[in-house]
C-alpha cells in the first residue's frame, strides 16, 4: 500500500482521538468509584484531576512516525 502524508495524518488523528476517548471513559469510571477517590470526602476525584491534567497538555510536536506536525 502507498500512504500519503494526508492519509497518515488522518490515521494518526483518528487514533489519538479514539485513545483519548478511551482514557477519558476509564477515568470517568474510576472517578465514580468511591474507593478510588478518597471515599467521597467532597474533594475533586482522582479521575477528574487526571482528566484536567491530560486536557491541559499541549499537542505533540511530532506525530507517531517522528514527522513534525
N, C-alpha and C. Protein backbone atom coordinates (compact mmCIF):
# COMPACT_ATOMS: atom_id res chain seq x y z
N UNK A 1 0.84 -1.19 0.00
CA UNK A 1 0.00 0.00 0.00
C UNK A 1 0.88 1.24 0.00
N UNK A 2 0.38 2.27 -0.61
CA UNK A 2 1.06 3.56 -0.63
C UNK A 2 0.26 4.52 0.24
N UNK A 3 0.94 5.08 1.23
CA UNK A 3 0.30 6.04 2.13
C UNK A 3 0.81 7.44 1.82
N UNK A 4 -0.11 8.38 1.73
CA UNK A 4 0.28 9.78 1.57
C UNK A 4 0.38 10.42 2.93
N UNK A 5 0.99 11.59 2.98
CA UNK A 5 1.08 12.31 4.26
C UNK A 5 -0.30 12.58 4.82
N UNK A 6 -1.26 12.88 3.95
CA UNK A 6 -2.62 13.17 4.42
C UNK A 6 -3.27 11.94 5.04
N UNK A 7 -3.08 10.77 4.43
CA UNK A 7 -3.69 9.57 4.99
C UNK A 7 -3.02 9.19 6.31
N UNK A 8 -1.72 9.39 6.42
CA UNK A 8 -1.03 9.11 7.68
C UNK A 8 -1.52 10.07 8.76
N UNK A 9 -1.70 11.32 8.41
CA UNK A 9 -2.20 12.30 9.38
C UNK A 9 -3.63 11.95 9.81
N UNK A 10 -4.45 11.51 8.87
CA UNK A 10 -5.83 11.14 9.20
C UNK A 10 -5.86 9.93 10.14
N UNK A 11 -5.01 8.96 9.87
CA UNK A 11 -4.93 7.77 10.73
C UNK A 11 -4.46 8.17 12.12
N UNK A 12 -3.44 9.02 12.17
CA UNK A 12 -2.91 9.46 13.46
C UNK A 12 -3.96 10.23 14.26
N UNK A 13 -4.66 11.13 13.60
CA UNK A 13 -5.68 11.93 14.27
C UNK A 13 -6.79 11.03 14.81
N UNK A 14 -7.21 10.08 14.00
CA UNK A 14 -8.26 9.15 14.42
C UNK A 14 -7.80 8.31 15.61
N UNK A 15 -6.56 7.82 15.56
CA UNK A 15 -6.01 7.02 16.66
C UNK A 15 -5.95 7.83 17.94
N UNK A 16 -5.41 9.05 17.85
CA UNK A 16 -5.29 9.90 19.05
C UNK A 16 -6.66 10.19 19.66
N UNK A 17 -7.63 10.46 18.81
CA UNK A 17 -8.97 10.75 19.29
C UNK A 17 -9.59 9.54 19.98
N UNK A 18 -9.47 8.37 19.35
CA UNK A 18 -10.02 7.15 19.94
C UNK A 18 -9.33 6.83 21.26
N UNK A 19 -8.02 7.00 21.30
CA UNK A 19 -7.25 6.72 22.52
C UNK A 19 -7.66 7.67 23.64
N UNK A 20 -7.77 8.96 23.31
CA UNK A 20 -8.17 9.95 24.32
C UNK A 20 -9.57 9.64 24.86
N UNK A 21 -10.49 9.28 23.97
CA UNK A 21 -11.84 8.94 24.41
C UNK A 21 -11.84 7.73 25.33
N UNK A 22 -11.05 6.72 25.00
CA UNK A 22 -10.97 5.52 25.83
C UNK A 22 -10.39 5.85 27.21
N UNK A 23 -9.35 6.67 27.24
CA UNK A 23 -8.74 7.06 28.51
C UNK A 23 -9.74 7.86 29.35
N UNK A 24 -10.44 8.79 28.71
CA UNK A 24 -11.41 9.60 29.44
C UNK A 24 -12.53 8.74 30.01
N UNK A 25 -13.01 7.74 29.26
CA UNK A 25 -14.04 6.84 29.77
C UNK A 25 -13.53 6.07 30.98
N UNK A 26 -12.30 5.63 30.90
CA UNK A 26 -11.71 4.90 32.02
C UNK A 26 -11.59 5.80 33.25
N UNK A 27 -11.18 7.03 33.03
CA UNK A 27 -11.04 7.97 34.15
C UNK A 27 -12.38 8.32 34.77
N UNK A 28 -13.40 8.46 33.92
CA UNK A 28 -14.73 8.77 34.44
C UNK A 28 -15.22 7.62 35.31
N UNK A 29 -15.02 6.40 34.84
CA UNK A 29 -15.49 5.26 35.63
C UNK A 29 -14.73 5.15 36.95
N UNK A 30 -13.44 5.51 36.96
CA UNK A 30 -12.69 5.46 38.21
C UNK A 30 -13.12 6.59 39.14
N UNK A 31 -13.55 7.71 38.57
CA UNK A 31 -13.99 8.84 39.39
C UNK A 31 -15.32 8.53 40.07
N UNK A 32 -16.12 7.66 39.46
CA UNK A 32 -17.41 7.30 40.04
C UNK A 32 -17.28 6.27 41.16
N UNK A 33 -16.09 5.70 41.30
CA UNK A 33 -15.84 4.69 42.32
C UNK A 33 -15.42 5.37 43.62
N UNK A 34 -16.25 5.32 44.66
CA UNK A 34 -15.89 5.99 45.91
C UNK A 34 -14.55 5.53 46.50
N UNK A 35 -14.20 4.27 46.30
CA UNK A 35 -12.94 3.78 46.84
C UNK A 35 -11.75 4.41 46.13
N UNK A 36 -11.95 4.86 44.91
CA UNK A 36 -10.86 5.43 44.14
C UNK A 36 -10.67 6.92 44.34
N UNK A 37 -11.59 7.55 45.04
CA UNK A 37 -11.47 9.00 45.19
C UNK A 37 -11.52 9.45 46.65
N UNK A 38 -11.06 8.64 47.53
CA UNK A 38 -10.96 9.06 48.92
C UNK A 38 -12.25 8.95 49.70
N UNK A 39 -13.21 8.15 49.23
CA UNK A 39 -14.43 7.92 49.99
C UNK A 39 -15.43 9.05 49.94
N UNK A 40 -15.41 9.86 48.91
CA UNK A 40 -16.41 10.91 48.76
C UNK A 40 -16.27 12.02 49.77
N UNK A 41 -15.08 12.44 50.05
CA UNK A 41 -14.84 13.47 51.06
C UNK A 41 -15.18 14.88 50.57
N UNK A 42 -15.73 14.99 49.36
CA UNK A 42 -16.08 16.31 48.84
C UNK A 42 -14.97 16.92 48.00
N UNK A 43 -13.79 16.32 48.00
CA UNK A 43 -12.69 16.81 47.20
C UNK A 43 -12.87 16.36 45.75
N UNK A 44 -12.14 16.99 44.87
CA UNK A 44 -12.17 16.60 43.46
C UNK A 44 -11.58 15.19 43.33
N UNK A 45 -12.23 14.34 42.51
CA UNK A 45 -11.79 12.96 42.38
C UNK A 45 -10.46 12.85 41.66
N UNK A 46 -9.80 11.74 41.87
CA UNK A 46 -8.53 11.47 41.21
C UNK A 46 -8.72 11.45 39.70
N UNK A 47 -9.77 10.79 39.24
CA UNK A 47 -10.05 10.72 37.80
C UNK A 47 -10.26 12.09 37.19
N UNK A 48 -10.97 12.94 37.90
CA UNK A 48 -11.21 14.30 37.42
C UNK A 48 -9.91 15.10 37.36
N UNK A 49 -9.05 14.90 38.35
CA UNK A 49 -7.76 15.59 38.35
C UNK A 49 -6.91 15.16 37.17
N UNK A 50 -6.85 13.84 36.91
CA UNK A 50 -6.06 13.33 35.79
C UNK A 50 -6.61 13.83 34.45
N UNK A 51 -7.94 13.85 34.33
CA UNK A 51 -8.56 14.31 33.08
C UNK A 51 -8.22 15.77 32.82
N UNK A 52 -8.33 16.61 33.84
CA UNK A 52 -7.99 18.02 33.66
C UNK A 52 -6.52 18.20 33.29
N UNK A 53 -5.66 17.41 33.92
CA UNK A 53 -4.23 17.49 33.62
C UNK A 53 -3.96 17.05 32.18
N UNK A 54 -4.60 15.98 31.75
CA UNK A 54 -4.39 15.48 30.39
C UNK A 54 -4.93 16.46 29.36
N UNK A 55 -6.07 17.06 29.63
CA UNK A 55 -6.66 18.00 28.68
C UNK A 55 -5.88 19.31 28.61
N UNK A 56 -5.07 19.59 29.61
CA UNK A 56 -4.29 20.82 29.62
C UNK A 56 -2.96 20.70 28.90
N UNK A 57 -2.62 19.49 28.47
CA UNK A 57 -1.35 19.30 27.77
C UNK A 57 -1.42 19.85 26.36
N UNK A 58 -0.28 20.30 25.87
CA UNK A 58 -0.24 20.80 24.50
C UNK A 58 -0.10 19.63 23.53
N UNK A 59 -0.43 19.88 22.28
CA UNK A 59 -0.34 18.85 21.25
C UNK A 59 1.12 18.51 21.00
N UNK A 60 1.37 17.27 20.68
CA UNK A 60 2.73 16.80 20.42
C UNK A 60 3.31 17.53 19.21
N UNK A 61 4.61 17.80 19.26
CA UNK A 61 5.28 18.50 18.16
C UNK A 61 5.60 17.57 17.00
N UNK A 62 5.63 16.27 17.27
CA UNK A 62 5.84 15.30 16.20
C UNK A 62 4.72 14.27 16.26
N UNK A 63 4.47 13.63 15.12
CA UNK A 63 3.44 12.60 15.09
C UNK A 63 4.05 11.25 15.48
N UNK A 64 3.26 10.20 15.38
CA UNK A 64 3.71 8.88 15.80
C UNK A 64 4.91 8.38 15.00
N UNK A 65 5.11 8.90 13.81
CA UNK A 65 6.19 8.45 12.93
C UNK A 65 7.39 9.40 12.95
N UNK A 66 7.40 10.36 13.86
CA UNK A 66 8.54 11.25 14.01
C UNK A 66 8.54 12.45 13.09
N UNK A 67 7.46 12.67 12.35
CA UNK A 67 7.38 13.82 11.46
C UNK A 67 6.83 15.01 12.24
N UNK A 68 7.28 16.20 11.87
CA UNK A 68 6.77 17.42 12.51
C UNK A 68 5.33 17.65 12.11
N UNK A 69 4.53 18.13 13.06
CA UNK A 69 3.12 18.44 12.78
C UNK A 69 2.99 19.75 12.06
